[in-house]
Amino acid sequence: MSLRAGQVLETVDAVVGYTTYVELIRPLLAGKQVVATGMRKEVERAARAIELAAAGKSCALVCSGDPGIYALAGLVLEICRRREIKVRLAGRGPGSDRGAQATLSIEVIPGIPALAAGAALLGAPLMHDFAAISLSDLLTPWPLIEKRLAAAASADFVIVLYNPRSRRRRDRLEKACRIIMEHRSPDTPAGVVTSAGRPHQSVLLTTLSGLPEAPVDMQTTVFVGNSQSWAWEGLMVTPRGYAAKYNLDKG
């Protein structure tokens, strides 16, 4: 987590979060009110955090990675808008008086997203333009996900896949690979990172054609290289383009 996240967790009165994430930070929560809920209770968690804050308690809503990337920052603001709760977004610094008469002060605290944590373990797969796509169709229709996969693959983006497989969605990664292979080689380097930075972390370097057989779950982030990506010494690298402009042999 970021230093700011740690500072906030030390000072708040209450913490709300998904049970798994709350347990990861349990040593930091002594003496605090804790509200933990299970999978698919995102609306309940966000609403509860808003209610605690509106009642006068400082409250941290805990997410994994970065709260603004496939997490709950947007849901909190969406609920506030629906309920006509006036909000002041903290952290903008002096000179910003937007929302000065707000009911709630909300701070979105940057974190380390899975795509950044996973990329660091693979080497440097995101050195050029990339697209992040979730394979979960719980909130996004699968035909739209297929359209986005095809668009990203045809534009030669490095592709980062979130939520590649669950018990209910066993075949989504295989379908995604078939779509991507319509636009790039089966030998394209691919990386599989599970539980980055946590116990039981695993890192696997494979190819696009080998991805469907890779061990993945909802804690896994998948990286598919572009046409210029390469694998070397167990690393996955997407060059930025320096070799075409500079002499890298002579420095």
C-alpha atoms as a PDB file:
ATOM      1  CA  MET A   1       0.000   0.000   0.000  1.00  0.00           C
ATOM      2  CA  SER A   2       1.034   3.623  -0.296  1.00  0.00           C
ATOM      3  CA  LEU A   3       2.443   5.545   2.667  1.00  0.00           C
ATOM      4  CA  ARG A   4      -0.677   7.739   2.703  1.00  0.00           C
ATOM      5  CA  ALA A   5      -2.925   4.672   2.961  1.00  0.00           C
ATOM      6  CA  GLY A   6      -1.002   3.484   5.993  1.00  0.00           C
ATOM      7  CA  GLN A   7      -1.270   6.911   7.603  1.00  0.00           C
ATOM      8  CA  VAL A   8      -5.043   7.003   7.095  1.00  0.00           C
ATOM      9  CA  LEU A   9      -5.544   3.518   8.515  1.00  0.00           C
ATOM     10  CA  GLU A  10      -3.722   4.612  11.678  1.00  0.00           C
ATOM     11  CA  THR A  11      -6.009   7.605  12.268  1.00  0.00           C
ATOM     12  CA  VAL A  12      -9.542   6.613  11.190  1.00  0.00           C
ATOM     13  CA  ASP A  13     -12.304   5.544  13.566  1.00  0.00           C
ATOM     14  CA  ALA A  14     -13.753   2.831  11.323  1.00  0.00           C
ATOM     15  CA  VAL A  15     -12.710   0.545   8.474  1.00  0.00           C
ATOM     16  CA  VAL A  16     -15.049  -1.067   5.935  1.00  0.00           C
ATOM     17  CA  GLY A  17     -13.946  -3.663   3.406  1.00  0.00           C
ATOM     18  CA  TYR A  18     -14.183  -7.027   1.693  1.00  0.00           C
ATOM     19  CA  THR A  19     -13.413  -9.721   4.272  1.00  0.00           C
ATOM     20  CA  THR A  20     -10.251 -10.966   2.498  1.00  0.00           C
ATOM     21  CA  TYR A  21      -8.761  -7.475   2.302  1.00  0.00           C
ATOM     22  CA  VAL A  22      -9.666  -6.644   5.885  1.00  0.00           C
ATOM     23  CA  GLU A  23      -7.824  -9.759   7.075  1.00  0.00           C
ATOM     24  CA  LEU A  24      -4.727  -8.705   5.148  1.00  0.00           C
ATOM     25  CA  ILE A  25      -4.511  -5.507   7.223  1.00  0.00           C
ATOM     26  CA  ARG A  26      -5.935  -6.891  10.478  1.00  0.00           C
ATOM     27  CA  PRO A  27      -2.766  -6.004  12.484  1.00  0.00           C
ATOM     28  CA  LEU A  28      -3.418  -2.320  11.700  1.00  0.00           C
ATOM     29  CA  LEU A  29      -7.022  -2.291  12.931  1.00  0.00           C
ATOM     30  CA  ALA A  30      -6.746  -2.671  16.696  1.00  0.00           C
ATOM     31  CA  GLY A  31      -9.338  -0.584  18.534  1.00  0.00           C
ATOM     32  CA  LYS A  32     -11.238   0.409  15.378  1.00  0.00           C
ATOM     33  CA  GLN A  33     -14.796  -0.342  14.334  1.00  0.00           C
ATOM     34  CA  VAL A  34     -14.535  -2.901  11.528  1.00  0.00           C
ATOM     35  CA  VAL A  35     -17.255  -3.776   9.010  1.00  0.00           C
ATOM     36  CA  ALA A  36     -16.349  -6.693   6.736  1.00  0.00           C
ATOM     37  CA  THR A  37     -18.618  -8.251   4.103  1.00  0.00           C
ATOM     38  CA  GLY A  38     -18.269 -10.996   1.507  1.00  0.00           C
ATOM     39  CA  MET A  39     -18.076 -11.190  -2.268  1.00  0.00           C
ATOM     40  CA  ARG A  40     -20.542  -9.135  -4.353  1.00  0.00           C
ATOM     41  CA  LYS A  41     -21.411  -6.839  -1.433  1.00  0.00           C
ATOM     42  CA  GLU A  42     -19.714  -3.791  -2.948  1.00  0.00           C
ATOM     43  CA  VAL A  43     -22.790  -1.550  -2.831  1.00  0.00           C
ATOM     44  CA  GLU A  44     -23.442  -2.520   0.773  1.00  0.00           C
ATOM     45  CA  ARG A  45     -19.843  -1.729   1.761  1.00  0.00           C
ATOM     46  CA  ALA A  46     -19.748   1.617  -0.015  1.00  0.00           C
ATOM     47  CA  ALA A  47     -23.096   2.672   1.434  1.00  0.00           C
ATOM     48  CA  ARG A  48     -22.049   1.640   4.941  1.00  0.00           C
ATOM     49  CA  ALA A  49     -18.844   3.677   4.711  1.00  0.00           C
ATOM     50  CA  ILE A  50     -20.822   6.722   3.560  1.00  0.00           C
ATOM     51  CA  GLU A  51     -23.292   6.289   6.411  1.00  0.00           C
ATOM     52  CA  LEU A  52     -20.510   6.039   9.011  1.00  0.00           C
ATOM     53  CA  ALA A  53     -18.849   9.162   7.639  1.00  0.00           C
ATOM     54  CA  ALA A  54     -22.152  11.048   7.535  1.00  0.00           C
ATOM     55  CA  ALA A  55     -22.637  10.121  11.202  1.00  0.00           C
ATOM     56  CA  GLY A  56     -19.392  11.877  12.071  1.00  0.00           C
ATOM     57  CA  LYS A  57     -16.867   9.033  12.065  1.00  0.00           C
ATOM     58  CA  SER A  58     -13.733   9.089   9.960  1.00  0.00           C
ATOM     59  CA  CYS A  59     -13.949   5.929   7.868  1.00  0.00           C
ATOM     60  CA  ALA A  60     -11.611   4.124   5.483  1.00  0.00           C
ATOM     61  CA  LEU A  61     -13.147   2.004   2.733  1.00  0.00           C
ATOM     62  CA  VAL A  62     -10.519  -0.611   1.882  1.00  0.00           C
ATOM     63  CA  CYS A  63      -9.956  -1.881  -1.669  1.00  0.00           C
ATOM     64  CA  SER A  64      -7.201  -3.899  -3.299  1.00  0.00           C
ATOM     65  CA  GLY A  65      -4.730  -2.238  -5.639  1.00  0.00           C
ATOM     66  CA  ASP A  66      -5.829   1.294  -6.476  1.00  0.00           C
ATOM     67  CA  PRO A  67      -9.344   2.406  -5.412  1.00  0.00           C
ATOM     68  CA  GLY A  68      -9.920   4.107  -8.757  1.00  0.00           C
ATOM     69  CA  ILE A  69      -9.051   1.068 -10.911  1.00  0.00           C
ATOM     70  CA  TYR A  70     -11.768  -1.612 -10.916  1.00  0.00           C
ATOM     71  CA  ALA A  71     -12.496  -0.740  -7.293  1.00  0.00           C
ATOM     72  CA  LEU A  72     -14.870   1.372  -5.178  1.00  0.00           C
ATOM     73  CA  ALA A  73     -13.966   5.048  -5.562  1.00  0.00           C
ATOM     74  CA  GLY A  74     -16.393   5.487  -8.446  1.00  0.00           C
ATOM     75  CA  LEU A  75     -19.175   3.604  -6.663  1.00  0.00           C
ATOM     76  CA  VAL A  76     -18.877   5.838  -3.582  1.00  0.00           C
ATOM     77  CA  LEU A  77     -19.161   8.978  -5.687  1.00  0.00           C
ATOM     78  CA  GLU A  78     -22.024   7.466  -7.698  1.00  0.00           C
ATOM     79  CA  ILE A  79     -23.979   6.711  -4.522  1.00  0.00           C
ATOM     80  CA  CYS A  80     -23.342  10.234  -3.214  1.00  0.00           C
ATOM     81  CA  ARG A  81     -24.624  11.684  -6.465  1.00  0.00           C
ATOM     82  CA  ARG A  82     -27.760   9.504  -6.394  1.00  0.00           C
ATOM     83  CA  ARG A  83     -28.493  10.436  -2.787  1.00  0.00           C
ATOM     84  CA  GLU A  84     -27.699  14.108  -3.447  1.00  0.00           C
ATOM     85  CA  ILE A  85     -24.960  14.139  -0.812  1.00  0.00           C
ATOM     86  CA  LYS A  86     -22.678  17.123  -1.272  1.00  0.00           C
ATOM     87  CA  VAL A  87     -19.056  16.053  -1.490  1.00  0.00           C
ATOM     88  CA  ARG A  88     -15.732  17.798  -1.146  1.00  0.00           C
ATOM     89  CA  LEU A  89     -12.829  15.898  -2.703  1.00  0.00           C
ATOM     90  CA  ALA A  90      -9.850  16.253  -0.389  1.00  0.00           C
ATOM     91  CA  GLY A  91      -6.214  16.254  -1.419  1.00  0.00           C
ATOM     92  CA  ARG A  92      -6.404  18.941  -4.117  1.00  0.00           C
ATOM     93  CA  GLY A  93      -4.329  21.399  -2.119  1.00  0.00           C
ATOM     94  CA  PRO A  94      -4.856  25.096  -1.313  1.00  0.00           C
ATOM     95  CA  GLY A  95      -6.845  27.321  -3.615  1.00  0.00           C
ATOM     96  CA  SER A  96      -9.580  24.795  -4.383  1.00  0.00           C
ATOM     97  CA  ASP A  97     -12.864  25.727  -2.718  1.00  0.00           C
ATOM     98  CA  ARG A  98     -15.062  23.370  -4.721  1.00  0.00           C
ATOM     99  CA  GLY A  99     -17.548  21.750  -2.382  1.00  0.00           C
ATOM    100  CA  ALA A 100     -16.599  23.973   0.573  1.00  0.00           C
ATOM    101  CA  GLN A 101     -20.112  23.538   2.023  1.00  0.00           C
ATOM    102  CA  ALA A 102     -20.064  19.790   1.459  1.00  0.00           C
ATOM    103  CA  THR A 103     -21.670  17.198   3.697  1.00  0.00           C
ATOM    104  CA  LEU A 104     -18.767  14.778   3.277  1.00  0.00           C
ATOM    105  CA  SER A 105     -15.055  15.173   2.690  1.00  0.00           C
ATOM    106  CA  ILE A 106     -13.772  12.276   0.599  1.00  0.00           C
ATOM    107  CA  GLU A 107     -10.160  11.446  -0.199  1.00  0.00           C
ATOM    108  CA  VAL A 108      -9.310   8.957  -2.927  1.00  0.00           C
ATOM    109  CA  ILE A 109      -5.938   7.547  -1.865  1.00  0.00           C
ATOM    110  CA  PRO A 110      -3.754   6.194  -4.688  1.00  0.00           C
ATOM    111  CA  GLY A 111      -2.619   2.619  -4.343  1.00  0.00           C
ATOM    112  CA  ILE A 112      -0.491   0.154  -6.286  1.00  0.00           C
ATOM    113  CA  PRO A 113      -2.690  -1.506  -8.930  1.00  0.00           C
ATOM    114  CA  ALA A 114      -2.229  -5.148  -9.858  1.00  0.00           C
ATOM    115  CA  LEU A 115      -1.026  -4.180 -13.322  1.00  0.00           C
ATOM    116  CA  ALA A 116       1.862  -2.185 -11.812  1.00  0.00           C
ATOM    117  CA  ALA A 117       2.743  -4.765  -9.155  1.00  0.00           C
ATOM    118  CA  GLY A 118       2.579  -7.580 -11.697  1.00  0.00           C
ATOM    119  CA  ALA A 119       4.583  -5.706 -14.322  1.00  0.00           C
ATOM    120  CA  ALA A 120       7.391  -5.123 -11.824  1.00  0.00           C
ATOM    121  CA  LEU A 121       7.625  -8.883 -11.203  1.00  0.00           C
ATOM    122  CA  LEU A 122       7.721  -9.703 -14.922  1.00  0.00           C
ATOM    123  CA  GLY A 123      10.304  -7.084 -15.876  1.00  0.00           C
ATOM    124  CA  ALA A 124       8.956  -4.242 -18.012  1.00  0.00           C
ATOM    125  CA  PRO A 125       5.962  -5.372 -20.101  1.00  0.00           C
ATOM    126  CA  LEU A 126       4.107  -2.020 -19.981  1.00  0.00           C
ATOM    127  CA  MET A 127       6.789   0.293 -21.375  1.00  0.00           C
ATOM    128  CA  HIS A 128       4.567   1.226 -24.327  1.00  0.00           C
ATOM    129  CA  ASP A 129       0.838   1.866 -24.785  1.00  0.00           C
ATOM    130  CA  PHE A 130      -1.391  -0.707 -23.126  1.00  0.00           C
ATOM    131  CA  ALA A 131      -5.063  -1.457 -22.481  1.00  0.00           C
ATOM    132  CA  ALA A 132      -6.560  -2.996 -19.340  1.00  0.00           C
ATOM    133  CA  ILE A 133      -9.654  -5.176 -19.833  1.00  0.00           C
ATOM    134  CA  SER A 134     -11.614  -7.139 -17.249  1.00  0.00           C
ATOM    135  CA  LEU A 135     -13.004 -10.494 -18.386  1.00  0.00           C
ATOM    136  CA  SER A 136     -15.727 -10.399 -15.742  1.00  0.00           C
ATOM    137  CA  ASP A 137     -19.172 -10.043 -17.324  1.00  0.00           C
ATOM    138  CA  LEU A 138     -20.894  -9.445 -13.993  1.00  0.00           C
ATOM    139  CA  LEU A 139     -21.249  -5.715 -14.744  1.00  0.00           C
ATOM    140  CA  THR A 140     -20.212  -5.572 -18.414  1.00  0.00           C
ATOM    141  CA  PRO A 141     -21.913  -7.633 -21.171  1.00  0.00           C
ATOM    142  CA  TRP A 142     -19.607 -10.231 -22.705  1.00  0.00           C
ATOM    143  CA  PRO A 143     -20.210  -9.053 -26.320  1.00  0.00           C
ATOM    144  CA  LEU A 144     -18.852  -5.623 -25.309  1.00  0.00           C
ATOM    145  CA  ILE A 145     -15.807  -7.244 -23.700  1.00  0.00           C
ATOM    146  CA  GLU A 146     -15.178  -9.171 -26.934  1.00  0.00           C
ATOM    147  CA  LYS A 147     -15.392  -5.929 -28.905  1.00  0.00           C
ATOM    148  CA  ARG A 148     -12.845  -4.266 -26.629  1.00  0.00           C
ATOM    149  CA  LEU A 149     -10.490  -7.249 -26.851  1.00  0.00           C
ATOM    150  CA  ALA A 150     -10.584  -7.166 -30.645  1.00  0.00           C
ATOM    151  CA  ALA A 151     -10.039  -3.399 -30.747  1.00  0.00           C
ATOM    152  CA  ALA A 152      -7.073  -3.510 -28.370  1.00  0.00           C
ATOM    153  CA  ALA A 153      -5.512  -6.469 -30.166  1.00  0.00           C
ATOM    154  CA  SER A 154      -5.901  -4.945 -33.624  1.00  0.00           C
ATOM    155  CA  ALA A 155      -4.339  -1.665 -32.418  1.00  0.00           C
ATOM    156  CA  ASP A 156      -1.287  -3.591 -31.119  1.00  0.00           C
ATOM    157  CA  PHE A 157      -1.719  -2.547 -27.496  1.00  0.00           C
ATOM    158  CA  VAL A 158      -0.094  -4.583 -24.785  1.00  0.00           C
ATOM    159  CA  ILE A 159      -3.166  -6.057 -23.071  1.00  0.00           C
ATOM    160  CA  VAL A 160      -3.632  -6.525 -19.334  1.00  0.00           C
ATOM    161  CA  LEU A 161      -6.447  -8.899 -18.400  1.00  0.00           C
ATOM    162  CA  TYR A 162      -8.124  -8.679 -15.008  1.00  0.00           C
ATOM    163  CA  ASN A 163     -10.456 -11.366 -13.596  1.00  0.00           C
ATOM    164  CA  PRO A 164      -9.347 -13.982 -16.148  1.00  0.00           C
ATOM    165  CA  ARG A 165     -11.165 -16.968 -14.648  1.00  0.00           C
ATOM    166  CA  SER A 166     -13.634 -17.814 -11.897  1.00  0.00           C
ATOM    167  CA  ARG A 167     -15.638 -20.903 -10.961  1.00  0.00           C
ATOM    168  CA  ARG A 168     -18.556 -19.581 -13.013  1.00  0.00           C
ATOM    169  CA  ARG A 169     -16.487 -18.303 -15.941  1.00  0.00           C
ATOM    170  CA  ARG A 170     -14.107 -21.142 -16.792  1.00  0.00           C
ATOM    171  CA  ASP A 171     -13.721 -20.441 -20.510  1.00  0.00           C
ATOM    172  CA  ARG A 172     -13.367 -16.648 -20.707  1.00  0.00           C
ATOM    173  CA  LEU A 173      -9.577 -16.583 -20.898  1.00  0.00           C
ATOM    174  CA  GLU A 174      -9.552 -19.159 -23.686  1.00  0.00           C
ATOM    175  CA  LYS A 175     -12.101 -17.105 -25.638  1.00  0.00           C
ATOM    176  CA  ALA A 176     -10.091 -13.936 -25.085  1.00  0.00           C
ATOM    177  CA  CYS A 177      -6.919 -15.617 -26.364  1.00  0.00           C
ATOM    178  CA  ARG A 178      -8.679 -16.749 -29.536  1.00  0.00           C
ATOM    179  CA  ILE A 179      -9.784 -13.168 -30.227  1.00  0.00           C
ATOM    180  CA  ILE A 180      -6.304 -11.760 -29.591  1.00  0.00           C
ATOM    181  CA  MET A 181      -4.653 -14.426 -31.787  1.00  0.00           C
ATOM    182  CA  GLU A 182      -6.645 -13.167 -34.744  1.00  0.00           C
ATOM    183  CA  HIS A 183      -4.325 -10.146 -34.636  1.00  0.00           C
ATOM    184  CA  ARG A 184      -0.984 -11.389 -33.270  1.00  0.00           C
ATOM    185  CA  SER A 185       1.319 -14.379 -33.200  1.00  0.00           C
ATOM    186  CA  PRO A 186       0.656 -17.383 -30.937  1.00  0.00           C
ATOM    187  CA  ASP A 187       4.301 -16.998 -29.823  1.00  0.00           C
ATOM    188  CA  THR A 188       3.662 -13.527 -28.389  1.00  0.00           C
ATOM    189  CA  PRO A 189       5.143 -13.367 -24.862  1.00  0.00           C
ATOM    190  CA  ALA A 190       2.595 -13.485 -22.056  1.00  0.00           C
ATOM    191  CA  GLY A 191       2.951 -13.171 -18.302  1.00  0.00           C
ATOM    192  CA  VAL A 192       0.787 -14.557 -15.508  1.00  0.00           C
ATOM    193  CA  VAL A 193       1.090 -13.042 -12.023  1.00  0.00           C
ATOM    194  CA  THR A 194      -1.013 -14.240  -9.104  1.00  0.00           C
ATOM    195  CA  SER A 195      -1.259 -12.554  -5.680  1.00  0.00           C
ATOM    196  CA  ALA A 196       1.446  -9.997  -6.447  1.00  0.00           C
ATOM    197  CA  GLY A 197       3.137  -8.834  -3.265  1.00  0.00           C
ATOM    198  CA  ARG A 198       1.176 -11.241  -1.061  1.00  0.00           C
ATOM    199  CA  PRO A 199       1.871 -14.663   0.423  1.00  0.00           C
ATOM    200  CA  HIS A 200       1.710 -17.446  -2.210  1.00  0.00           C
ATOM    201  CA  GLN A 201       2.752 -15.011  -4.967  1.00  0.00           C
ATOM    202  CA  SER A 202       3.508 -16.743  -8.277  1.00  0.00           C
ATOM    203  CA  VAL A 203       4.950 -15.540 -11.582  1.00  0.00           C
ATOM    204  CA  LEU A 204       4.842 -17.443 -14.875  1.00  0.00           C
ATOM    205  CA  LEU A 205       6.228 -16.479 -18.273  1.00  0.00           C
ATOM    206  CA  THR A 206       4.506 -18.203 -21.198  1.00  0.00           C
ATOM    207  CA  THR A 207       3.121 -17.405 -24.657  1.00  0.00           C
ATOM    208  CA  LEU A 208      -0.249 -16.322 -25.975  1.00  0.00           C
ATOM    209  CA  SER A 209      -0.962 -19.863 -27.183  1.00  0.00           C
ATOM    210  CA  GLY A 210       0.004 -21.273 -23.787  1.00  0.00           C
ATOM    211  CA  LEU A 211      -2.208 -18.940 -21.750  1.00  0.00           C
ATOM    212  CA  PRO A 212      -5.400 -21.056 -21.759  1.00  0.00           C
ATOM    213  CA  GLU A 213      -3.541 -23.792 -19.860  1.00  0.00           C
ATOM    214  CA  ALA A 214      -1.939 -21.427 -17.340  1.00  0.00           C
ATOM    215  CA  PRO A 215      -3.042 -21.590 -13.670  1.00  0.00           C
ATOM    216  CA  VAL A 216      -5.158 -18.454 -13.210  1.00  0.00           C
ATOM    217  CA  ASP A 217      -7.911 -17.302 -10.872  1.00  0.00           C
ATOM    218  CA  MET A 218      -9.521 -14.062  -9.708  1.00  0.00           C
ATOM    219  CA  GLN A 219      -6.278 -13.041  -7.968  1.00  0.00           C
ATOM    220  CA  THR A 220      -4.358 -13.332 -11.261  1.00  0.00           C
ATOM    221  CA  THR A 221      -3.374 -10.578 -13.661  1.00  0.00           C
ATOM    222  CA  VAL A 222      -2.495 -11.615 -17.230  1.00  0.00           C
ATOM    223  CA  PHE A 223      -0.159  -9.657 -19.519  1.00  0.00           C
ATOM    224  CA  VAL A 224      -0.172 -10.177 -23.304  1.00  0.00           C
ATOM    225  CA  GLY A 225       2.653  -8.483 -25.195  1.00  0.00           C
ATOM    226  CA  ASN A 226       2.358  -6.474 -28.395  1.00  0.00           C
ATOM    227  CA  SER A 227       4.119  -7.276 -31.669  1.00  0.00           C
ATOM    228  CA  GLN A 228       7.406  -5.858 -30.347  1.00  0.00           C
ATOM    229  CA  SER A 229       7.443  -7.499 -26.901  1.00  0.00           C
ATOM    230  CA  TRP A 230      10.114 -10.071 -26.148  1.00  0.00           C
ATOM    231  CA  ALA A 231      11.081 -12.592 -23.496  1.00  0.00           C
ATOM    232  CA  TRP A 232      14.658 -12.801 -22.235  1.00  0.00           C
ATOM    233  CA  GLU A 233      16.309 -14.351 -19.179  1.00  0.00           C
ATOM    234  CA  GLY A 234      12.911 -15.110 -17.666  1.00  0.00           C
ATOM    235  CA  LEU A 235      11.733 -11.524 -18.167  1.00  0.00           C
ATOM    236  CA  MET A 236       9.001  -9.981 -20.308  1.00  0.00           C
ATOM    237  CA  VAL A 237       9.847  -6.656 -21.926  1.00  0.00           C
ATOM    238  CA  THR A 238       8.029  -4.323 -24.285  1.00  0.00           C
ATOM    239  CA  PRO A 239      10.573  -1.881 -25.778  1.00  0.00           C
ATOM    240  CA  ARG A 240       9.719   1.803 -25.727  1.00  0.00           C
ATOM    241  CA  GLY A 241      11.436   2.412 -29.075  1.00  0.00           C
ATOM    242  CA  TYR A 242      14.838   3.712 -27.994  1.00  0.00           C
ATOM    243  CA  ALA A 243      16.727   1.228 -30.195  1.00  0.00           C
ATOM    244  CA  ALA A 244      15.223   2.775 -33.331  1.00  0.00           C
ATOM    245  CA  LYS A 245      16.440   6.242 -32.343  1.00  0.00           C
ATOM    246  CA  TYR A 246      19.635   5.706 -30.363  1.00  0.00           C
ATOM    247  CA  ASN A 247      22.703   3.472 -30.503  1.00  0.00           C
ATOM    248  CA  LEU A 248      22.200   1.226 -27.478  1.00  0.00           C
ATOM    249  CA  ASP A 249      25.421  -0.724 -28.114  1.00  0.00           C
ATOM    250  CA  LYS A 250      27.702   2.277 -27.587  1.00  0.00           C
ATOM    251  CA  GLY A 251      25.620   4.075 -24.928  1.00  0.00           C
END
